[in-house]
Amino acid sequence: MLSVCSSLEKVASTWQLDVSTAGAAPERACHVLLKEREKQIKPFRDEKIITDWNGLMIGSLVRTAIAVDAPWMLESARRAFAELSQIGKKEEGNTLVSRHQKGGLPKEKAV
């Protein structure tokens, strides 16, 4: 992450640059950093949907929506619950699976 801590004029003066050159430096630096970042090995992404964590998030959204009177937040919680209910419902009954992943999860071994 790059941040600007001084005025453009001060940076240009300190480094003996014209203002337009100094102004273009952050964009050039971002471009260089992004090119280097693309060379890195990407971290593993775990795409599982954990019902417990999503339930905690949905409950927090509801409580916060009520506390700060934010109808949009309550609507977000409703949509999240509807999605979780849709993808995580067990085939039998009205309960949710504890975790879900597109394409299925490996079966747990009996201990």
PDB file of N, CA and C in Angstrom:
ATOM      1  N   MET A   1       0.848  -1.164   0.000  1.00  0.00           N
ATOM      2  CA  MET A   1       0.000   0.000   0.000  1.00  0.00           C
ATOM      3  C   MET A   1       0.897   1.231   0.000  1.00  0.00           C
ATOM      4  N   LEU A   2       0.570   2.159  -0.827  1.00  0.00           N
ATOM      5  CA  LEU A   2       1.301   3.419  -0.891  1.00  0.00           C
ATOM      6  C   LEU A   2       0.427   4.517  -0.328  1.00  0.00           C
ATOM      7  N   SER A   3       1.063   5.438   0.382  1.00  0.00           N
ATOM      8  CA  SER A   3       0.301   6.567   0.907  1.00  0.00           C
ATOM      9  C   SER A   3       1.089   7.851   0.680  1.00  0.00           C
ATOM     10  N   VAL A   4       0.374   8.951   0.623  1.00  0.00           N
ATOM     11  CA  VAL A   4       0.983  10.265   0.419  1.00  0.00           C
ATOM     12  C   VAL A   4       1.044  10.964   1.765  1.00  0.00           C
ATOM     13  N   CYS A   5       2.263  11.297   2.184  1.00  0.00           N
ATOM     14  CA  CYS A   5       2.453  11.913   3.502  1.00  0.00           C
ATOM     15  C   CYS A   5       2.862  13.379   3.419  1.00  0.00           C
ATOM     16  N   SER A   6       3.170  13.855   2.235  1.00  0.00           N
ATOM     17  CA  SER A   6       3.576  15.249   2.046  1.00  0.00           C
ATOM     18  C   SER A   6       2.856  15.809   0.834  1.00  0.00           C
ATOM     19  N   SER A   7       2.873  17.119   0.741  1.00  0.00           N
ATOM     20  CA  SER A   7       2.261  17.745  -0.436  1.00  0.00           C
ATOM     21  C   SER A   7       3.107  17.421  -1.662  1.00  0.00           C
ATOM     22  N   LEU A   8       2.481  17.433  -2.795  1.00  0.00           N
ATOM     23  CA  LEU A   8       3.163  17.151  -4.055  1.00  0.00           C
ATOM     24  C   LEU A   8       4.289  18.154  -4.294  1.00  0.00           C
ATOM     25  N   GLU A   9       4.028  19.400  -3.956  1.00  0.00           N
ATOM     26  CA  GLU A   9       5.038  20.442  -4.144  1.00  0.00           C
ATOM     27  C   GLU A   9       6.267  20.185  -3.274  1.00  0.00           C
ATOM     28  N   LYS A  10       6.048  19.743  -2.031  1.00  0.00           N
ATOM     29  CA  LYS A  10       7.169  19.475  -1.119  1.00  0.00           C
ATOM     30  C   LYS A  10       7.990  18.288  -1.613  1.00  0.00           C
ATOM     31  N   VAL A  11       7.326  17.249  -2.073  1.00  0.00           N
ATOM     32  CA  VAL A  11       8.039  16.080  -2.601  1.00  0.00           C
ATOM     33  C   VAL A  11       8.857  16.486  -3.826  1.00  0.00           C
ATOM     34  N   ALA A  12       8.255  17.242  -4.723  1.00  0.00           N
ATOM     35  CA  ALA A  12       8.962  17.686  -5.929  1.00  0.00           C
ATOM     36  C   ALA A  12      10.184  18.515  -5.565  1.00  0.00           C
ATOM     37  N   SER A  13      10.035  19.403  -4.594  1.00  0.00           N
ATOM     38  CA  SER A  13      11.152  20.243  -4.168  1.00  0.00           C
ATOM     39  C   SER A  13      12.258  19.410  -3.521  1.00  0.00           C
ATOM     40  N   THR A  14      11.878  18.487  -2.636  1.00  0.00           N
ATOM     41  CA  THR A  14      12.861  17.656  -1.929  1.00  0.00           C
ATOM     42  C   THR A  14      13.691  16.829  -2.899  1.00  0.00           C
ATOM     43  N   TRP A  15      13.049  16.261  -3.902  1.00  0.00           N
ATOM     44  CA  TRP A  15      13.729  15.377  -4.839  1.00  0.00           C
ATOM     45  C   TRP A  15      14.157  16.096  -6.125  1.00  0.00           C
ATOM     46  N   GLN A  16      14.003  17.417  -6.149  1.00  0.00           N
ATOM     47  CA  GLN A  16      14.394  18.239  -7.294  1.00  0.00           C
ATOM     48  C   GLN A  16      13.742  17.735  -8.590  1.00  0.00           C
ATOM     49  N   LEU A  17      12.415  17.578  -8.517  1.00  0.00           N
ATOM     50  CA  LEU A  17      11.620  17.143  -9.665  1.00  0.00           C
ATOM     51  C   LEU A  17      10.594  18.203  -9.989  1.00  0.00           C
ATOM     52  N   ASP A  18      10.089  18.177 -11.218  1.00  0.00           N
ATOM     53  CA  ASP A  18       8.954  19.053 -11.487  1.00  0.00           C
ATOM     54  C   ASP A  18       7.705  18.369 -10.915  1.00  0.00           C
ATOM     55  N   VAL A  19       6.674  19.153 -10.670  1.00  0.00           N
ATOM     56  CA  VAL A  19       5.474  18.667  -9.986  1.00  0.00           C
ATOM     57  C   VAL A  19       4.799  17.537 -10.765  1.00  0.00           C
ATOM     58  N   SER A  20       4.759  17.624 -12.089  1.00  0.00           N
ATOM     59  CA  SER A  20       4.085  16.574 -12.874  1.00  0.00           C
ATOM     60  C   SER A  20       4.824  15.237 -12.771  1.00  0.00           C
ATOM     61  N   THR A  21       6.155  15.270 -12.749  1.00  0.00           N
ATOM     62  CA  THR A  21       6.933  14.036 -12.601  1.00  0.00           C
ATOM     63  C   THR A  21       6.710  13.430 -11.222  1.00  0.00           C
ATOM     64  N   ALA A  22       6.737  14.279 -10.206  1.00  0.00           N
ATOM     65  CA  ALA A  22       6.500  13.794  -8.840  1.00  0.00           C
ATOM     66  C   ALA A  22       5.089  13.236  -8.700  1.00  0.00           C
ATOM     67  N   GLY A  23       4.125  13.853  -9.373  1.00  0.00           N
ATOM     68  CA  GLY A  23       2.738  13.398  -9.302  1.00  0.00           C
ATOM     69  C   GLY A  23       2.523  12.043  -9.958  1.00  0.00           C
ATOM     70  N   ALA A  24       3.334  11.726 -10.961  1.00  0.00           N
ATOM     71  CA  ALA A  24       3.194  10.449 -11.666  1.00  0.00           C
ATOM     72  C   ALA A  24       3.903   9.306 -10.942  1.00  0.00           C
ATOM     73  N   ALA A  25       4.771   9.623  -9.998  1.00  0.00           N
ATOM     74  CA  ALA A  25       5.565   8.595  -9.323  1.00  0.00           C
ATOM     75  C   ALA A  25       4.722   7.542  -8.598  1.00  0.00           C
ATOM     76  N   PRO A  26       3.694   7.918  -7.826  1.00  0.00           N
ATOM     77  CA  PRO A  26       2.910   6.875  -7.144  1.00  0.00           C
ATOM     78  C   PRO A  26       2.252   5.891  -8.114  1.00  0.00           C
ATOM     79  N   GLU A  27       1.759   6.381  -9.235  1.00  0.00           N
ATOM     80  CA  GLU A  27       1.130   5.487 -10.218  1.00  0.00           C
ATOM     81  C   GLU A  27       2.161   4.533 -10.815  1.00  0.00           C
ATOM     82  N   ARG A  28       3.344   5.052 -11.122  1.00  0.00           N
ATOM     83  CA  ARG A  28       4.407   4.187 -11.649  1.00  0.00           C
ATOM     84  C   ARG A  28       4.811   3.152 -10.606  1.00  0.00           C
ATOM     85  N   ALA A  29       4.924   3.576  -9.350  1.00  0.00           N
ATOM     86  CA  ALA A  29       5.307   2.649  -8.278  1.00  0.00           C
ATOM     87  C   ALA A  29       4.266   1.544  -8.119  1.00  0.00           C
ATOM     88  N   CYS A  30       2.997   1.892  -8.177  1.00  0.00           N
ATOM     89  CA  CYS A  30       1.925   0.885  -8.084  1.00  0.00           C
ATOM     90  C   CYS A  30       2.041  -0.120  -9.219  1.00  0.00           C
ATOM     91  N   HIS A  31       2.308   0.368 -10.413  1.00  0.00           N
ATOM     92  CA  HIS A  31       2.436  -0.511 -11.578  1.00  0.00           C
ATOM     93  C   HIS A  31       3.589  -1.501 -11.374  1.00  0.00           C
ATOM     94  N   VAL A  32       4.735  -1.010 -10.913  1.00  0.00           N
ATOM     95  CA  VAL A  32       5.898  -1.874 -10.674  1.00  0.00           C
ATOM     96  C   VAL A  32       5.582  -2.902  -9.589  1.00  0.00           C
ATOM     97  N   LEU A  33       4.962  -2.451  -8.500  1.00  0.00           N
ATOM     98  CA  LEU A  33       4.625  -3.370  -7.412  1.00  0.00           C
ATOM     99  C   LEU A  33       3.642  -4.445  -7.860  1.00  0.00           C
ATOM    100  N   LEU A  34       2.648  -4.070  -8.651  1.00  0.00           N
ATOM    101  CA  LEU A  34       1.679  -5.055  -9.140  1.00  0.00           C
ATOM    102  C   LEU A  34       2.334  -6.084 -10.061  1.00  0.00           C
ATOM    103  N   LYS A  35       3.265  -5.644 -10.899  1.00  0.00           N
ATOM    104  CA  LYS A  35       3.977  -6.587 -11.771  1.00  0.00           C
ATOM    105  C   LYS A  35       4.771  -7.586 -10.940  1.00  0.00           C
ATOM    106  N   GLU A  36       5.420  -7.122  -9.881  1.00  0.00           N
ATOM    107  CA  GLU A  36       6.177  -8.020  -9.004  1.00  0.00           C
ATOM    108  C   GLU A  36       5.249  -8.957  -8.239  1.00  0.00           C
ATOM    109  N   ARG A  37       4.117  -8.444  -7.819  1.00  0.00           N
ATOM    110  CA  ARG A  37       3.162  -9.261  -7.067  1.00  0.00           C
ATOM    111  C   ARG A  37       2.631 -10.411  -7.920  1.00  0.00           C
ATOM    112  N   GLU A  38       2.430 -10.160  -9.208  1.00  0.00           N
ATOM    113  CA  GLU A  38       1.934 -11.205 -10.110  1.00  0.00           C
ATOM    114  C   GLU A  38       2.912 -12.370 -10.232  1.00  0.00           C
ATOM    115  N   LYS A  39       4.186 -12.137  -9.953  1.00  0.00           N
ATOM    116  CA  LYS A  39       5.194 -13.199 -10.027  1.00  0.00           C
ATOM    117  C   LYS A  39       5.132 -14.132  -8.816  1.00  0.00           C
ATOM    118  N   GLN A  40       4.518 -13.685  -7.743  1.00  0.00           N
ATOM    119  CA  GLN A  40       4.468 -14.487  -6.521  1.00  0.00           C
ATOM    120  C   GLN A  40       3.510 -15.659  -6.676  1.00  0.00           C
ATOM    121  N   ILE A  41       3.782 -16.718  -5.919  1.00  0.00           N
ATOM    122  CA  ILE A  41       2.878 -17.863  -5.873  1.00  0.00           C
ATOM    123  C   ILE A  41       1.648 -17.443  -5.089  1.00  0.00           C
ATOM    124  N   LYS A  42       0.501 -17.691  -5.668  1.00  0.00           N
ATOM    125  CA  LYS A  42      -0.748 -17.282  -5.018  1.00  0.00           C
ATOM    126  C   LYS A  42      -1.054 -18.223  -3.851  1.00  0.00           C
ATOM    127  N   PRO A  43      -1.586 -17.678  -2.748  1.00  0.00           N
ATOM    128  CA  PRO A  43      -1.908 -18.527  -1.598  1.00  0.00           C
ATOM    129  C   PRO A  43      -3.112 -19.420  -1.894  1.00  0.00           C
ATOM    130  N   PHE A  44      -3.190 -20.530  -1.178  1.00  0.00           N
ATOM    131  CA  PHE A  44      -4.317 -21.442  -1.303  1.00  0.00           C
ATOM    132  C   PHE A  44      -5.585 -20.733  -0.858  1.00  0.00           C
ATOM    133  N   ARG A  45      -6.647 -20.920  -1.603  1.00  0.00           N
ATOM    134  CA  ARG A  45      -7.943 -20.342  -1.234  1.00  0.00           C
ATOM    135  C   ARG A  45      -8.865 -21.461  -0.808  1.00  0.00           C
ATOM    136  N   ASP A  46      -9.363 -21.343   0.382  1.00  0.00           N
ATOM    137  CA  ASP A  46     -10.309 -22.318   0.907  1.00  0.00           C
ATOM    138  C   ASP A  46     -11.706 -21.790   0.623  1.00  0.00           C
ATOM    139  N   GLU A  47     -12.419 -22.447  -0.250  1.00  0.00           N
ATOM    140  CA  GLU A  47     -13.721 -21.954  -0.700  1.00  0.00           C
ATOM    141  C   GLU A  47     -14.896 -22.532   0.086  1.00  0.00           C
ATOM    142  N   LYS A  48     -14.601 -23.230   1.194  1.00  0.00           N
ATOM    143  CA  LYS A  48     -15.704 -23.782   1.981  1.00  0.00           C
ATOM    144  C   LYS A  48     -16.572 -22.666   2.546  1.00  0.00           C
ATOM    145  N   ILE A  49     -17.844 -22.967   2.681  1.00  0.00           N
ATOM    146  CA  ILE A  49     -18.785 -22.054   3.332  1.00  0.00           C
ATOM    147  C   ILE A  49     -19.101 -22.667   4.688  1.00  0.00           C
ATOM    148  N   ILE A  50     -18.682 -22.007   5.753  1.00  0.00           N
ATOM    149  CA  ILE A  50     -18.870 -22.512   7.111  1.00  0.00           C
ATOM    150  C   ILE A  50     -20.143 -21.892   7.677  1.00  0.00           C
ATOM    151  N   THR A  51     -21.117 -22.730   7.957  1.00  0.00           N
ATOM    152  CA  THR A  51     -22.426 -22.254   8.414  1.00  0.00           C
ATOM    153  C   THR A  51     -22.318 -21.466   9.716  1.00  0.00           C
ATOM    154  N   ASP A  52     -21.529 -21.961  10.682  1.00  0.00           N
ATOM    155  CA  ASP A  52     -21.410 -21.270  11.977  1.00  0.00           C
ATOM    156  C   ASP A  52     -20.917 -19.838  11.812  1.00  0.00           C
ATOM    157  N   TRP A  53     -19.837 -19.666  11.037  1.00  0.00           N
ATOM    158  CA  TRP A  53     -19.276 -18.324  10.863  1.00  0.00           C
ATOM    159  C   TRP A  53     -20.257 -17.399  10.155  1.00  0.00           C
ATOM    160  N   ASN A  54     -20.937 -17.928   9.162  1.00  0.00           N
ATOM    161  CA  ASN A  54     -21.924 -17.119   8.457  1.00  0.00           C
ATOM    162  C   ASN A  54     -23.078 -16.752   9.373  1.00  0.00           C
ATOM    163  N   GLY A  55     -23.491 -17.682  10.237  1.00  0.00           N
ATOM    164  CA  GLY A  55     -24.550 -17.389  11.205  1.00  0.00           C
ATOM    165  C   GLY A  55     -24.145 -16.282  12.164  1.00  0.00           C
ATOM    166  N   LEU A  56     -22.889 -16.313  12.615  1.00  0.00           N
ATOM    167  CA  LEU A  56     -22.394 -15.243  13.495  1.00  0.00           C
ATOM    168  C   LEU A  56     -22.440 -13.892  12.781  1.00  0.00           C
ATOM    169  N   MET A  57     -22.016 -13.876  11.521  1.00  0.00           N
ATOM    170  CA  MET A  57     -22.020 -12.639  10.743  1.00  0.00           C
ATOM    171  C   MET A  57     -23.437 -12.123  10.539  1.00  0.00           C
ATOM    172  N   ILE A  58     -24.349 -13.021  10.211  1.00  0.00           N
ATOM    173  CA  ILE A  58     -25.741 -12.620   9.979  1.00  0.00           C
ATOM    174  C   ILE A  58     -26.347 -12.062  11.264  1.00  0.00           C
ATOM    175  N   GLY A  59     -26.112 -12.743  12.396  1.00  0.00           N
ATOM    176  CA  GLY A  59     -26.615 -12.253  13.682  1.00  0.00           C
ATOM    177  C   GLY A  59     -26.049 -10.891  14.035  1.00  0.00           C
ATOM    178  N   SER A  60     -24.765 -10.687  13.755  1.00  0.00           N
ATOM    179  CA  SER A  60     -24.134  -9.389  14.027  1.00  0.00           C
ATOM    180  C   SER A  60     -24.735  -8.296  13.158  1.00  0.00           C
ATOM    181  N   LEU A  61     -24.997  -8.614  11.904  1.00  0.00           N
ATOM    182  CA  LEU A  61     -25.636  -7.635  11.019  1.00  0.00           C
ATOM    183  C   LEU A  61     -27.015  -7.238  11.539  1.00  0.00           C
ATOM    184  N   VAL A  62     -27.789  -8.229  11.981  1.00  0.00           N
ATOM    185  CA  VAL A  62     -29.138  -7.943  12.489  1.00  0.00           C
ATOM    186  C   VAL A  62     -29.065  -7.057  13.727  1.00  0.00           C
ATOM    187  N   ARG A  63     -28.205  -7.428  14.695  1.00  0.00           N
ATOM    188  CA  ARG A  63     -28.104  -6.634  15.931  1.00  0.00           C
ATOM    189  C   ARG A  63     -27.628  -5.212  15.643  1.00  0.00           C
ATOM    190  N   THR A  64     -26.660  -5.078  14.759  1.00  0.00           N
ATOM    191  CA  THR A  64     -26.157  -3.747  14.414  1.00  0.00           C
ATOM    192  C   THR A  64     -27.218  -2.941  13.677  1.00  0.00           C
ATOM    193  N   ALA A  65     -27.936  -3.581  12.759  1.00  0.00           N
ATOM    194  CA  ALA A  65     -28.999  -2.891  12.012  1.00  0.00           C
ATOM    195  C   ALA A  65     -30.043  -2.323  12.955  1.00  0.00           C
ATOM    196  N   ILE A  66     -30.396  -3.096  13.973  1.00  0.00           N
ATOM    197  CA  ILE A  66     -31.386  -2.632  14.952  1.00  0.00           C
ATOM    198  C   ILE A  66     -30.806  -1.495  15.791  1.00  0.00           C
ATOM    199  N   ALA A  67     -29.550  -1.649  16.218  1.00  0.00           N
ATOM    200  CA  ALA A  67     -28.924  -0.652  17.093  1.00  0.00           C
ATOM    201  C   ALA A  67     -28.747   0.700  16.411  1.00  0.00           C
ATOM    202  N   VAL A  68     -28.407   0.694  15.133  1.00  0.00           N
ATOM    203  CA  VAL A  68     -28.132   1.962  14.446  1.00  0.00           C
ATOM    204  C   VAL A  68     -29.226   2.336  13.445  1.00  0.00           C
ATOM    205  N   ASP A  69     -30.328   1.611  13.482  1.00  0.00           N
ATOM    206  CA  ASP A  69     -31.468   1.860  12.597  1.00  0.00           C
ATOM    207  C   ASP A  69     -31.016   1.919  11.134  1.00  0.00           C
ATOM    208  N   ALA A  70     -30.475   0.788  10.664  1.00  0.00           N
ATOM    209  CA  ALA A  70     -29.959   0.701   9.295  1.00  0.00           C
ATOM    210  C   ALA A  70     -30.718  -0.380   8.527  1.00  0.00           C
ATOM    211  N   PRO A  71     -31.827  -0.008   7.885  1.00  0.00           N
ATOM    212  CA  PRO A  71     -32.612  -0.997   7.140  1.00  0.00           C
ATOM    213  C   PRO A  71     -31.812  -1.718   6.053  1.00  0.00           C
ATOM    214  N   TRP A  72     -30.880  -1.041   5.412  1.00  0.00           N
ATOM    215  CA  TRP A  72     -30.069  -1.670   4.371  1.00  0.00           C
ATOM    216  C   TRP A  72     -29.247  -2.816   4.937  1.00  0.00           C
ATOM    217  N   MET A  73     -28.791  -2.669   6.188  1.00  0.00           N
ATOM    218  CA  MET A  73     -27.998  -3.713   6.824  1.00  0.00           C
ATOM    219  C   MET A  73     -28.878  -4.921   7.150  1.00  0.00           C
ATOM    220  N   LEU A  74     -30.100  -4.648   7.583  1.00  0.00           N
ATOM    221  CA  LEU A  74     -31.054  -5.720   7.864  1.00  0.00           C
ATOM    222  C   LEU A  74     -31.370  -6.483   6.574  1.00  0.00           C
ATOM    223  N   GLU A  75     -31.493  -5.765   5.481  1.00  0.00           N
ATOM    224  CA  GLU A  75     -31.740  -6.407   4.185  1.00  0.00           C
ATOM    225  C   GLU A  75     -30.546  -7.262   3.768  1.00  0.00           C
ATOM    226  N   SER A  76     -29.339  -6.794   4.042  1.00  0.00           N
ATOM    227  CA  SER A  76     -28.140  -7.590   3.743  1.00  0.00           C
ATOM    228  C   SER A  76     -28.144  -8.889   4.539  1.00  0.00           C
ATOM    229  N   ALA A  77     -28.530  -8.804   5.806  1.00  0.00           N
ATOM    230  CA  ALA A  77     -28.608 -10.002   6.647  1.00  0.00           C
ATOM    231  C   ALA A  77     -29.657 -10.967   6.105  1.00  0.00           C
ATOM    232  N   ARG A  78     -30.782 -10.439   5.674  1.00  0.00           N
ATOM    233  CA  ARG A  78     -31.847 -11.284   5.131  1.00  0.00           C
ATOM    234  C   ARG A  78     -31.373 -12.011   3.867  1.00  0.00           C
ATOM    235  N   ARG A  79     -30.687 -11.284   2.985  1.00  0.00           N
ATOM    236  CA  ARG A  79     -30.188 -11.902   1.751  1.00  0.00           C
ATOM    237  C   ARG A  79     -29.130 -12.961   2.047  1.00  0.00           C
ATOM    238  N   ALA A  80     -28.254 -12.664   3.011  1.00  0.00           N
ATOM    239  CA  ALA A  80     -27.217 -13.635   3.382  1.00  0.00           C
ATOM    240  C   ALA A  80     -27.846 -14.903   3.951  1.00  0.00           C
ATOM    241  N   PHE A  81     -28.867 -14.741   4.799  1.00  0.00           N
ATOM    242  CA  PHE A  81     -29.537 -15.907   5.369  1.00  0.00           C
ATOM    243  C   PHE A  81     -30.251 -16.708   4.282  1.00  0.00           C
ATOM    244  N   ALA A  82     -30.892 -16.020   3.359  1.00  0.00           N
ATOM    245  CA  ALA A  82     -31.587 -16.713   2.269  1.00  0.00           C
ATOM    246  C   ALA A  82     -30.597 -17.524   1.432  1.00  0.00           C
ATOM    247  N   GLU A  83     -29.448 -16.948   1.136  1.00  0.00           N
ATOM    248  CA  GLU A  83     -28.418 -17.646   0.355  1.00  0.00           C
ATOM    249  C   GLU A  83     -27.877 -18.844   1.130  1.00  0.00           C
ATOM    250  N   LEU A  84     -27.559 -18.635   2.398  1.00  0.00           N
ATOM    251  CA  LEU A  84     -27.037 -19.717   3.230  1.00  0.00           C
ATOM    252  C   LEU A  84     -28.060 -20.845   3.348  1.00  0.00           C
ATOM    253  N   SER A  85     -29.317 -20.496   3.513  1.00  0.00           N
ATOM    254  CA  SER A  85     -30.383 -21.497   3.616  1.00  0.00           C
ATOM    255  C   SER A  85     -30.532 -22.281   2.318  1.00  0.00           C
ATOM    256  N   GLN A  86     -30.346 -21.608   1.210  1.00  0.00           N
ATOM    257  CA  GLN A  86     -30.491 -22.241  -0.104  1.00  0.00           C
ATOM    258  C   GLN A  86     -29.370 -23.237  -0.369  1.00  0.00           C
ATOM    259  N   ILE A  87     -28.132 -22.831  -0.133  1.00  0.00           N
ATOM    260  CA  ILE A  87     -27.002 -23.695  -0.500  1.00  0.00           C
ATOM    261  C   ILE A  87     -26.651 -24.713   0.567  1.00  0.00           C
ATOM    262  N   GLY A  88     -27.055 -24.468   1.810  1.00  0.00           N
ATOM    263  CA  GLY A  88     -26.611 -25.342   2.888  1.00  0.00           C
ATOM    264  C   GLY A  88     -27.663 -26.260   3.469  1.00  0.00           C
ATOM    265  N   LYS A  89     -28.827 -26.314   2.854  1.00  0.00           N
ATOM    266  CA  LYS A  89     -29.910 -27.127   3.414  1.00  0.00           C
ATOM    267  C   LYS A  89     -29.650 -28.610   3.165  1.00  0.00           C
ATOM    268  N   LYS A  90     -29.817 -29.411   4.216  1.00  0.00           N
ATOM    269  CA  LYS A  90     -29.681 -30.860   4.065  1.00  0.00           C
ATOM    270  C   LYS A  90     -30.832 -31.376   3.217  1.00  0.00           C
ATOM    271  N   GLU A  91     -30.575 -32.471   2.532  1.00  0.00           N
ATOM    272  CA  GLU A  91     -31.608 -33.038   1.663  1.00  0.00           C
ATOM    273  C   GLU A  91     -32.827 -33.485   2.456  1.00  0.00           C
ATOM    274  N   GLU A  92     -32.599 -33.992   3.656  1.00  0.00           N
ATOM    275  CA  GLU A  92     -33.722 -34.429   4.483  1.00  0.00           C
ATOM    276  C   GLU A  92     -33.905 -33.435   5.625  1.00  0.00           C
ATOM    277  N   GLY A  93     -35.116 -33.022   5.859  1.00  0.00           N
ATOM    278  CA  GLY A  93     -35.411 -32.139   6.984  1.00  0.00           C
ATOM    279  C   GLY A  93     -35.170 -30.675   6.690  1.00  0.00           C
ATOM    280  N   ASN A  94     -35.255 -29.879   7.752  1.00  0.00           N
ATOM    281  CA  ASN A  94     -35.093 -28.426   7.639  1.00  0.00           C
ATOM    282  C   ASN A  94     -33.840 -27.939   8.348  1.00  0.00           C
ATOM    283  N   THR A  95     -32.787 -28.710   8.337  1.00  0.00           N
ATOM    284  CA  THR A  95     -31.554 -28.296   8.999  1.00  0.00           C
ATOM    285  C   THR A  95     -30.493 -27.962   7.958  1.00  0.00           C
ATOM    286  N   LEU A  96     -29.472 -27.253   8.406  1.00  0.00           N
ATOM    287  CA  LEU A  96     -28.379 -26.853   7.521  1.00  0.00           C
ATOM    288  C   LEU A  96     -27.160 -27.726   7.775  1.00  0.00           C
ATOM    289  N   VAL A  97     -26.389 -27.946   6.736  1.00  0.00           N
ATOM    290  CA  VAL A  97     -25.120 -28.645   6.906  1.00  0.00           C
ATOM    291  C   VAL A  97     -24.149 -27.700   7.606  1.00  0.00           C
ATOM    292  N   SER A  98     -23.147 -28.259   8.283  1.00  0.00           N
ATOM    293  CA  SER A  98     -22.208 -27.398   9.005  1.00  0.00           C
ATOM    294  C   SER A  98     -21.232 -26.700   8.066  1.00  0.00           C
ATOM    295  N   ARG A  99     -21.004 -27.288   6.903  1.00  0.00           N
ATOM    296  CA  ARG A  99     -20.106 -26.673   5.923  1.00  0.00           C
ATOM    297  C   ARG A  99     -20.537 -27.105   4.538  1.00  0.00           C
ATOM    298  N   HIS A 100     -20.186 -26.318   3.556  1.00  0.00           N
ATOM    299  CA  HIS A 100     -20.591 -26.591   2.178  1.00  0.00           C
ATOM    300  C   HIS A 100     -19.479 -26.116   1.257  1.00  0.00           C
ATOM    301  N   GLN A 101     -19.335 -26.800   0.143  1.00  0.00           N
ATOM    302  CA  GLN A 101     -18.384 -26.354  -0.867  1.00  0.00           C
ATOM    303  C   GLN A 101     -18.937 -26.734  -2.229  1.00  0.00           C
ATOM    304  N   LYS A 102     -18.828 -25.830  -3.171  1.00  0.00           N
ATOM    305  CA  LYS A 102     -19.293 -26.112  -4.531  1.00  0.00           C
ATOM    306  C   LYS A 102     -18.570 -27.361  -5.029  1.00  0.00           C
ATOM    307  N   GLY A 103     -19.316 -28.296  -5.532  1.00  0.00           N
ATOM    308  CA  GLY A 103     -18.723 -29.547  -5.989  1.00  0.00           C
ATOM    309  C   GLY A 103     -18.684 -30.597  -4.894  1.00  0.00           C
ATOM    310  N   GLY A 104     -19.075 -30.215  -3.674  1.00  0.00           N
ATOM    311  CA  GLY A 104     -19.129 -31.169  -2.570  1.00  0.00           C
ATOM    312  C   GLY A 104     -17.859 -31.204  -1.751  1.00  0.00           C
ATOM    313  N   LEU A 105     -17.990 -31.711  -0.560  1.00  0.00           N
ATOM    314  CA  LEU A 105     -16.868 -31.871   0.358  1.00  0.00           C
ATOM    315  C   LEU A 105     -16.567 -33.353   0.503  1.00  0.00           C
ATOM    316  N   PRO A 106     -15.326 -33.689   0.826  1.00  0.00           N
ATOM    317  CA  PRO A 106     -15.034 -35.100   1.063  1.00  0.00           C
ATOM    318  C   PRO A 106     -15.809 -35.603   2.273  1.00  0.00           C
ATOM    319  N   LYS A 107     -16.194 -36.865   2.230  1.00  0.00           N
ATOM    320  CA  LYS A 107     -16.919 -37.463   3.358  1.00  0.00           C
ATOM    321  C   LYS A 107     -15.997 -37.536   4.566  1.00  0.00           C
ATOM    322  N   GLU A 108     -16.573 -37.267   5.743  1.00  0.00           N
ATOM    323  CA  GLU A 108     -15.790 -37.374   6.970  1.00  0.00           C
ATOM    324  C   GLU A 108     -15.679 -38.837   7.346  1.00  0.00           C
ATOM    325  N   LYS A 109     -14.498 -39.236   7.779  1.00  0.00           N
ATOM    326  CA  LYS A 109     -14.279 -40.619   8.184  1.00  0.00           C
ATOM    327  C   LYS A 109     -14.805 -40.825   9.595  1.00  0.00           C
ATOM    328  N   ALA A 110     -15.403 -41.961   9.817  1.00  0.00           N
ATOM    329  CA  ALA A 110     -15.871 -42.298  11.167  1.00  0.00           C
ATOM    330  C   ALA A 110     -14.662 -42.586  12.038  1.00  0.00           C
ATOM    331  N   VAL A 111     -14.731 -42.119  13.262  1.00  0.00           N
ATOM    332  CA  VAL A 111     -13.604 -42.319  14.179  1.00  0.00           C
ATOM    333  C   VAL A 111     -13.922 -43.445  15.123  1.00  0.00           C
TER     334      VAL A 111
END
